[in-house]
Amino acid sequence: MKRLLILSAVAAAALATSACITVIDADHDDMAWHGENAQPFDAARSECRAAPRYQGQGSDAFRDCMATKGWTRS
């Protein structure tokens, strides 16, 4: 029982830390990205870059793609 409690505490800490890293890592560009119920930033950015309509990170198509994944730029 003690092992299970320790394992669950470690898993919870790892998940909490990974969520923080995702939000901190989201500020790659000159303008900050903000996520609300968003999928992980790096995965969303990679998917939008791979989209057929990709025309650069400053394009409307990229911004719209990121918005569908829960990320908006301020």
PDB file of N, CA and C in Angstrom:
ATOM      1  N   MET A   1       0.823  -1.191   0.000  1.00  0.00           N
ATOM      2  CA  MET A   1       0.000   0.000   0.000  1.00  0.00           C
ATOM      3  C   MET A   1       0.871   1.260   0.000  1.00  0.00           C
ATOM      4  N   LYS A   2       1.965   1.215   0.767  1.00  0.00           N
ATOM      5  CA  LYS A   2       2.861   2.357   0.837  1.00  0.00           C
ATOM      6  C   LYS A   2       3.511   2.618  -0.526  1.00  0.00           C
ATOM      7  N   ARG A   3       3.879   1.542  -1.237  1.00  0.00           N
ATOM      8  CA  ARG A   3       4.475   1.695  -2.568  1.00  0.00           C
ATOM      9  C   ARG A   3       3.496   2.351  -3.535  1.00  0.00           C
ATOM     10  N   LEU A   4       2.249   1.945  -3.460  1.00  0.00           N
ATOM     11  CA  LEU A   4       1.226   2.507  -4.344  1.00  0.00           C
ATOM     12  C   LEU A   4       1.043   3.991  -4.078  1.00  0.00           C
ATOM     13  N   LEU A   5       1.053   4.377  -2.820  1.00  0.00           N
ATOM     14  CA  LEU A   5       0.910   5.782  -2.457  1.00  0.00           C
ATOM     15  C   LEU A   5       2.095   6.601  -2.978  1.00  0.00           C
ATOM     16  N   ILE A   6       3.305   6.083  -2.818  1.00  0.00           N
ATOM     17  CA  ILE A   6       4.495   6.780  -3.306  1.00  0.00           C
ATOM     18  C   ILE A   6       4.469   6.874  -4.825  1.00  0.00           C
ATOM     19  N   LEU A   7       4.114   5.788  -5.491  1.00  0.00           N
ATOM     20  CA  LEU A   7       4.041   5.778  -6.947  1.00  0.00           C
ATOM     21  C   LEU A   7       3.023   6.779  -7.471  1.00  0.00           C
ATOM     22  N   SER A   8       1.877   6.854  -6.827  1.00  0.00           N
ATOM     23  CA  SER A   8       0.852   7.802  -7.284  1.00  0.00           C
ATOM     24  C   SER A   8       1.297   9.238  -7.031  1.00  0.00           C
ATOM     25  N   ALA A   9       2.014   9.494  -5.955  1.00  0.00           N
ATOM     26  CA  ALA A   9       2.519  10.848  -5.682  1.00  0.00           C
ATOM     27  C   ALA A   9       3.557  11.257  -6.724  1.00  0.00           C
ATOM     28  N   VAL A  10       4.426  10.337  -7.080  1.00  0.00           N
ATOM     29  CA  VAL A  10       5.444  10.618  -8.097  1.00  0.00           C
ATOM     30  C   VAL A  10       4.778  10.865  -9.453  1.00  0.00           C
ATOM     31  N   ALA A  11       3.807  10.064  -9.802  1.00  0.00           N
ATOM     32  CA  ALA A  11       3.102  10.232 -11.078  1.00  0.00           C
ATOM     33  C   ALA A  11       2.376  11.572 -11.123  1.00  0.00           C
ATOM     34  N   ALA A  12       1.736  11.953 -10.024  1.00  0.00           N
ATOM     35  CA  ALA A  12       1.026  13.232  -9.975  1.00  0.00           C
ATOM     36  C   ALA A  12       2.007  14.397 -10.119  1.00  0.00           C
ATOM     37  N   ALA A  13       3.159  14.300  -9.476  1.00  0.00           N
ATOM     38  CA  ALA A  13       4.166  15.354  -9.575  1.00  0.00           C
ATOM     39  C   ALA A  13       4.702  15.455 -11.006  1.00  0.00           C
ATOM     40  N   ALA A  14       4.908  14.321 -11.641  1.00  0.00           N
ATOM     41  CA  ALA A  14       5.411  14.323 -13.020  1.00  0.00           C
ATOM     42  C   ALA A  14       4.399  14.970 -13.961  1.00  0.00           C
ATOM     43  N   LEU A  15       3.138  14.668 -13.795  1.00  0.00           N
ATOM     44  CA  LEU A  15       2.109  15.273 -14.642  1.00  0.00           C
ATOM     45  C   LEU A  15       2.010  16.772 -14.408  1.00  0.00           C
ATOM     46  N   ALA A  16       2.061  17.184 -13.169  1.00  0.00           N
ATOM     47  CA  ALA A  16       1.979  18.613 -12.859  1.00  0.00           C
ATOM     48  C   ALA A  16       3.174  19.361 -13.445  1.00  0.00           C
ATOM     49  N   THR A  17       4.342  18.778 -13.349  1.00  0.00           N
ATOM     50  CA  THR A  17       5.546  19.404 -13.885  1.00  0.00           C
ATOM     51  C   THR A  17       5.493  19.492 -15.404  1.00  0.00           C
ATOM     52  N   SER A  18       5.033  18.450 -16.060  1.00  0.00           N
ATOM     53  CA  SER A  18       4.978  18.479 -17.522  1.00  0.00           C
ATOM     54  C   SER A  18       3.996  19.534 -18.012  1.00  0.00           C
ATOM     55  N   ALA A  19       2.904  19.749 -17.299  1.00  0.00           N
ATOM     56  CA  ALA A  19       1.948  20.783 -17.683  1.00  0.00           C
ATOM     57  C   ALA A  19       2.573  22.161 -17.562  1.00  0.00           C
ATOM     58  N   CYS A  20       3.350  22.393 -16.525  1.00  0.00           N
ATOM     59  CA  CYS A  20       4.010  23.685 -16.345  1.00  0.00           C
ATOM     60  C   CYS A  20       5.040  23.927 -17.437  1.00  0.00           C
ATOM     61  N   ILE A  21       5.778  22.913 -17.786  1.00  0.00           N
ATOM     62  CA  ILE A  21       6.789  23.057 -18.821  1.00  0.00           C
ATOM     63  C   ILE A  21       6.136  23.407 -20.149  1.00  0.00           C
ATOM     64  N   THR A  22       4.996  22.804 -20.438  1.00  0.00           N
ATOM     65  CA  THR A  22       4.295  23.096 -21.684  1.00  0.00           C
ATOM     66  C   THR A  22       3.917  24.566 -21.754  1.00  0.00           C
ATOM     67  N   VAL A  23       3.399  25.121 -20.665  1.00  0.00           N
ATOM     68  CA  VAL A  23       2.981  26.520 -20.663  1.00  0.00           C
ATOM     69  C   VAL A  23       4.187  27.439 -20.730  1.00  0.00           C
ATOM     70  N   ILE A  24       5.240  27.135 -19.996  1.00  0.00           N
ATOM     71  CA  ILE A  24       6.439  27.961 -20.023  1.00  0.00           C
ATOM     72  C   ILE A  24       7.065  27.914 -21.411  1.00  0.00           C
ATOM     73  N   ASP A  25       7.083  26.751 -22.021  1.00  0.00           N
ATOM     74  CA  ASP A  25       7.703  26.554 -23.318  1.00  0.00           C
ATOM     75  C   ASP A  25       6.909  27.199 -24.448  1.00  0.00           C
ATOM     76  N   ALA A  26       5.711  27.653 -24.159  1.00  0.00           N
ATOM     77  CA  ALA A  26       4.841  28.181 -25.198  1.00  0.00           C
ATOM     78  C   ALA A  26       5.266  29.558 -25.696  1.00  0.00           C
ATOM     79  N   ASP A  27       6.205  30.203 -25.024  1.00  0.00           N
ATOM     80  CA  ASP A  27       6.598  31.556 -25.401  1.00  0.00           C
ATOM     81  C   ASP A  27       7.825  31.546 -26.312  1.00  0.00           C
ATOM     82  N   HIS A  28       7.746  30.833 -27.439  1.00  0.00           N
ATOM     83  CA  HIS A  28       8.870  30.729 -28.360  1.00  0.00           C
ATOM     84  C   HIS A  28       9.028  31.976 -29.218  1.00  0.00           C
ATOM     85  N   ASP A  29       7.972  32.622 -29.562  1.00  0.00           N
ATOM     86  CA  ASP A  29       7.997  33.718 -30.526  1.00  0.00           C
ATOM     87  C   ASP A  29       8.007  35.056 -29.815  1.00  0.00           C
ATOM     88  N   ASP A  30       8.055  36.114 -30.609  1.00  0.00           N
ATOM     89  CA  ASP A  30       8.013  37.460 -30.038  1.00  0.00           C
ATOM     90  C   ASP A  30       6.706  37.705 -29.304  1.00  0.00           C
ATOM     91  N   MET A  31       5.638  37.116 -29.788  1.00  0.00           N
ATOM     92  CA  MET A  31       4.327  37.281 -29.154  1.00  0.00           C
ATOM     93  C   MET A  31       3.994  36.007 -28.382  1.00  0.00           C
ATOM     94  N   ALA A  32       3.414  36.143 -27.230  1.00  0.00           N
ATOM     95  CA  ALA A  32       3.129  34.997 -26.372  1.00  0.00           C
ATOM     96  C   ALA A  32       1.864  34.261 -26.834  1.00  0.00           C
ATOM     97  N   TRP A  33       1.921  32.947 -26.738  1.00  0.00           N
ATOM     98  CA  TRP A  33       0.759  32.102 -26.987  1.00  0.00           C
ATOM     99  C   TRP A  33       0.107  31.808 -25.645  1.00  0.00           C
ATOM    100  N   HIS A  34      -1.202  31.761 -25.622  1.00  0.00           N
ATOM    101  CA  HIS A  34      -1.947  31.443 -24.401  1.00  0.00           C
ATOM    102  C   HIS A  34      -2.886  30.282 -24.710  1.00  0.00           C
ATOM    103  N   GLY A  35      -2.873  29.285 -23.842  1.00  0.00           N
ATOM    104  CA  GLY A  35      -3.712  28.114 -24.061  1.00  0.00           C
ATOM    105  C   GLY A  35      -4.836  28.024 -23.059  1.00  0.00           C
ATOM    106  N   GLU A  36      -5.989  27.622 -23.544  1.00  0.00           N
ATOM    107  CA  GLU A  36      -7.129  27.362 -22.683  1.00  0.00           C
ATOM    108  C   GLU A  36      -7.731  26.031 -23.118  1.00  0.00           C
ATOM    109  N   ASN A  37      -7.661  25.042 -22.224  1.00  0.00           N
ATOM    110  CA  ASN A  37      -8.059  23.673 -22.553  1.00  0.00           C
ATOM    111  C   ASN A  37      -7.333  23.215 -23.814  1.00  0.00           C
ATOM    112  N   ALA A  38      -6.062  23.558 -23.900  1.00  0.00           N
ATOM    113  CA  ALA A  38      -5.272  23.317 -25.103  1.00  0.00           C
ATOM    114  C   ALA A  38      -4.501  22.008 -25.015  1.00  0.00           C
ATOM    115  N   GLN A  39      -4.202  21.473 -26.202  1.00  0.00           N
ATOM    116  CA  GLN A  39      -3.321  20.310 -26.242  1.00  0.00           C
ATOM    117  C   GLN A  39      -1.892  20.812 -26.062  1.00  0.00           C
ATOM    118  N   PRO A  40      -0.933  19.946 -25.770  1.00  0.00           N
ATOM    119  CA  PRO A  40       0.440  20.398 -25.551  1.00  0.00           C
ATOM    120  C   PRO A  40       0.952  21.276 -26.705  1.00  0.00           C
ATOM    121  N   PHE A  41       1.626  22.355 -26.334  1.00  0.00           N
ATOM    122  CA  PHE A  41       2.035  23.370 -27.304  1.00  0.00           C
ATOM    123  C   PHE A  41       2.911  22.813 -28.423  1.00  0.00           C
ATOM    124  N   ASP A  42       3.940  22.076 -28.061  1.00  0.00           N
ATOM    125  CA  ASP A  42       4.873  21.588 -29.079  1.00  0.00           C
ATOM    126  C   ASP A  42       4.182  20.680 -30.089  1.00  0.00           C
ATOM    127  N   ALA A  43       3.265  19.839 -29.614  1.00  0.00           N
ATOM    128  CA  ALA A  43       2.537  18.946 -30.520  1.00  0.00           C
ATOM    129  C   ALA A  43       1.609  19.752 -31.437  1.00  0.00           C
ATOM    130  N   ALA A  44       0.918  20.736 -30.868  1.00  0.00           N
ATOM    131  CA  ALA A  44       0.015  21.566 -31.671  1.00  0.00           C
ATOM    132  C   ALA A  44       0.791  22.329 -32.735  1.00  0.00           C
ATOM    133  N   ARG A  45       1.924  22.906 -32.339  1.00  0.00           N
ATOM    134  CA  ARG A  45       2.744  23.666 -33.285  1.00  0.00           C
ATOM    135  C   ARG A  45       3.262  22.759 -34.403  1.00  0.00           C
ATOM    136  N   SER A  46       3.694  21.566 -34.055  1.00  0.00           N
ATOM    137  CA  SER A  46       4.203  20.636 -35.071  1.00  0.00           C
ATOM    138  C   SER A  46       3.113  20.231 -36.045  1.00  0.00           C
ATOM    139  N   GLU A  47       1.903  19.955 -35.528  1.00  0.00           N
ATOM    140  CA  GLU A  47       0.795  19.570 -36.397  1.00  0.00           C
ATOM    141  C   GLU A  47       0.417  20.715 -37.332  1.00  0.00           C
ATOM    142  N   CYS A  48       0.415  21.938 -36.810  1.00  0.00           N
ATOM    143  CA  CYS A  48       0.041  23.081 -37.646  1.00  0.00           C
ATOM    144  C   CYS A  48       1.117  23.389 -38.688  1.00  0.00           C
ATOM    145  N   ARG A  49       2.377  23.170 -38.326  1.00  0.00           N
ATOM    146  CA  ARG A  49       3.447  23.353 -39.305  1.00  0.00           C
ATOM    147  C   ARG A  49       3.359  22.320 -40.425  1.00  0.00           C
ATOM    148  N   ALA A  50       2.876  21.123 -40.098  1.00  0.00           N
ATOM    149  CA  ALA A  50       2.773  20.044 -41.085  1.00  0.00           C
ATOM    150  C   ALA A  50       1.500  20.139 -41.923  1.00  0.00           C
ATOM    151  N   ALA A  51       0.594  21.033 -41.559  1.00  0.00           N
ATOM    152  CA  ALA A  51      -0.676  21.164 -42.285  1.00  0.00           C
ATOM    153  C   ALA A  51      -0.427  21.655 -43.708  1.00  0.00           C
ATOM    154  N   PRO A  52      -1.246  21.211 -44.650  1.00  0.00           N
ATOM    155  CA  PRO A  52      -1.065  21.609 -46.062  1.00  0.00           C
ATOM    156  C   PRO A  52      -1.143  23.117 -46.275  1.00  0.00           C
ATOM    157  N   ARG A  53      -1.890  23.833 -45.435  1.00  0.00           N
ATOM    158  CA  ARG A  53      -2.067  25.273 -45.615  1.00  0.00           C
ATOM    159  C   ARG A  53      -0.983  26.094 -44.916  1.00  0.00           C
ATOM    160  N   TYR A  54       0.035  25.455 -44.330  1.00  0.00           N
ATOM    161  CA  TYR A  54       1.070  26.166 -43.579  1.00  0.00           C
ATOM    162  C   TYR A  54       1.815  27.158 -44.463  1.00  0.00           C
ATOM    163  N   GLN A  55       1.842  28.418 -44.039  1.00  0.00           N
ATOM    164  CA  GLN A  55       2.528  29.478 -44.798  1.00  0.00           C
ATOM    165  C   GLN A  55       3.434  30.287 -43.870  1.00  0.00           C
ATOM    166  N   GLY A  56       3.874  29.693 -42.794  1.00  0.00           N
ATOM    167  CA  GLY A  56       4.707  30.397 -41.821  1.00  0.00           C
ATOM    168  C   GLY A  56       3.929  30.641 -40.542  1.00  0.00           C
ATOM    169  N   GLN A  57       4.671  30.813 -39.453  1.00  0.00           N
ATOM    170  CA  GLN A  57       4.023  30.962 -38.157  1.00  0.00           C
ATOM    171  C   GLN A  57       3.265  32.264 -38.007  1.00  0.00           C
ATOM    172  N   GLY A  58       3.524  33.234 -38.834  1.00  0.00           N
ATOM    173  CA  GLY A  58       2.800  34.501 -38.753  1.00  0.00           C
ATOM    174  C   GLY A  58       1.545  34.534 -39.598  1.00  0.00           C
ATOM    175  N   SER A  59       1.275  33.457 -40.319  1.00  0.00           N
ATOM    176  CA  SER A  59       0.137  33.464 -41.241  1.00  0.00           C
ATOM    177  C   SER A  59      -1.190  33.255 -40.510  1.00  0.00           C
ATOM    178  N   ASP A  60      -2.248  33.704 -41.162  1.00  0.00           N
ATOM    179  CA  ASP A  60      -3.594  33.501 -40.611  1.00  0.00           C
ATOM    180  C   ASP A  60      -3.918  32.021 -40.522  1.00  0.00           C
ATOM    181  N   ALA A  61      -3.473  31.236 -41.502  1.00  0.00           N
ATOM    182  CA  ALA A  61      -3.758  29.798 -41.505  1.00  0.00           C
ATOM    183  C   ALA A  61      -3.123  29.120 -40.296  1.00  0.00           C
ATOM    184  N   PHE A  62      -1.901  29.506 -39.955  1.00  0.00           N
ATOM    185  CA  PHE A  62      -1.230  28.924 -38.794  1.00  0.00           C
ATOM    186  C   PHE A  62      -1.948  29.327 -37.512  1.00  0.00           C
ATOM    187  N   ARG A  63      -2.282  30.605 -37.394  1.00  0.00           N
ATOM    188  CA  ARG A  63      -2.999  31.098 -36.211  1.00  0.00           C
ATOM    189  C   ARG A  63      -4.343  30.395 -36.047  1.00  0.00           C
ATOM    190  N   ASP A  64      -5.066  30.198 -37.155  1.00  0.00           N
ATOM    191  CA  ASP A  64      -6.359  29.509 -37.097  1.00  0.00           C
ATOM    192  C   ASP A  64      -6.191  28.048 -36.697  1.00  0.00           C
ATOM    193  N   CYS A  65      -5.151  27.412 -37.216  1.00  0.00           N
ATOM    194  CA  CYS A  65      -4.881  26.020 -36.866  1.00  0.00           C
ATOM    195  C   CYS A  65      -4.591  25.907 -35.374  1.00  0.00           C
ATOM    196  N   MET A  66      -3.756  26.800 -34.858  1.00  0.00           N
ATOM    197  CA  MET A  66      -3.424  26.771 -33.423  1.00  0.00           C
ATOM    198  C   MET A  66      -4.666  27.030 -32.582  1.00  0.00           C
ATOM    199  N   ALA A  67      -5.550  27.888 -33.049  1.00  0.00           N
ATOM    200  CA  ALA A  67      -6.780  28.186 -32.306  1.00  0.00           C
ATOM    201  C   ALA A  67      -7.659  26.941 -32.190  1.00  0.00           C
ATOM    202  N   THR A  68      -7.668  26.100 -33.219  1.00  0.00           N
ATOM    203  CA  THR A  68      -8.474  24.875 -33.146  1.00  0.00           C
ATOM    204  C   THR A  68      -7.899  23.904 -32.114  1.00  0.00           C
ATOM    205  N   LYS A  69      -6.645  24.103 -31.737  1.00  0.00           N
ATOM    206  CA  LYS A  69      -5.992  23.248 -30.759  1.00  0.00           C
ATOM    207  C   LYS A  69      -5.958  23.900 -29.367  1.00  0.00           C
ATOM    208  N   GLY A  70      -6.612  25.069 -29.229  1.00  0.00           N
ATOM    209  CA  GLY A  70      -6.741  25.732 -27.941  1.00  0.00           C
ATOM    210  C   GLY A  70      -5.730  26.826 -27.661  1.00  0.00           C
ATOM    211  N   TRP A  71      -4.924  27.227 -28.658  1.00  0.00           N
ATOM    212  CA  TRP A  71      -3.880  28.231 -28.455  1.00  0.00           C
ATOM    213  C   TRP A  71      -4.215  29.517 -29.204  1.00  0.00           C
ATOM    214  N   THR A  72      -4.087  30.655 -28.533  1.00  0.00           N
ATOM    215  CA  THR A  72      -4.297  31.961 -29.158  1.00  0.00           C
ATOM    216  C   THR A  72      -3.086  32.840 -28.866  1.00  0.00           C
ATOM    217  N   ARG A  73      -2.852  33.799 -29.743  1.00  0.00           N
ATOM    218  CA  ARG A  73      -1.744  34.734 -29.581  1.00  0.00           C
ATOM    219  C   ARG A  73      -2.252  36.063 -29.066  1.00  0.00           C
ATOM    220  N   SER A  74      -1.457  36.686 -28.220  1.00  0.00           N
ATOM    221  CA  SER A  74      -1.866  38.010 -27.720  1.00  0.00           C
ATOM    222  C   SER A  74      -1.104  39.103 -28.411  1.00  0.00           C
TER     223      SER A  74
END
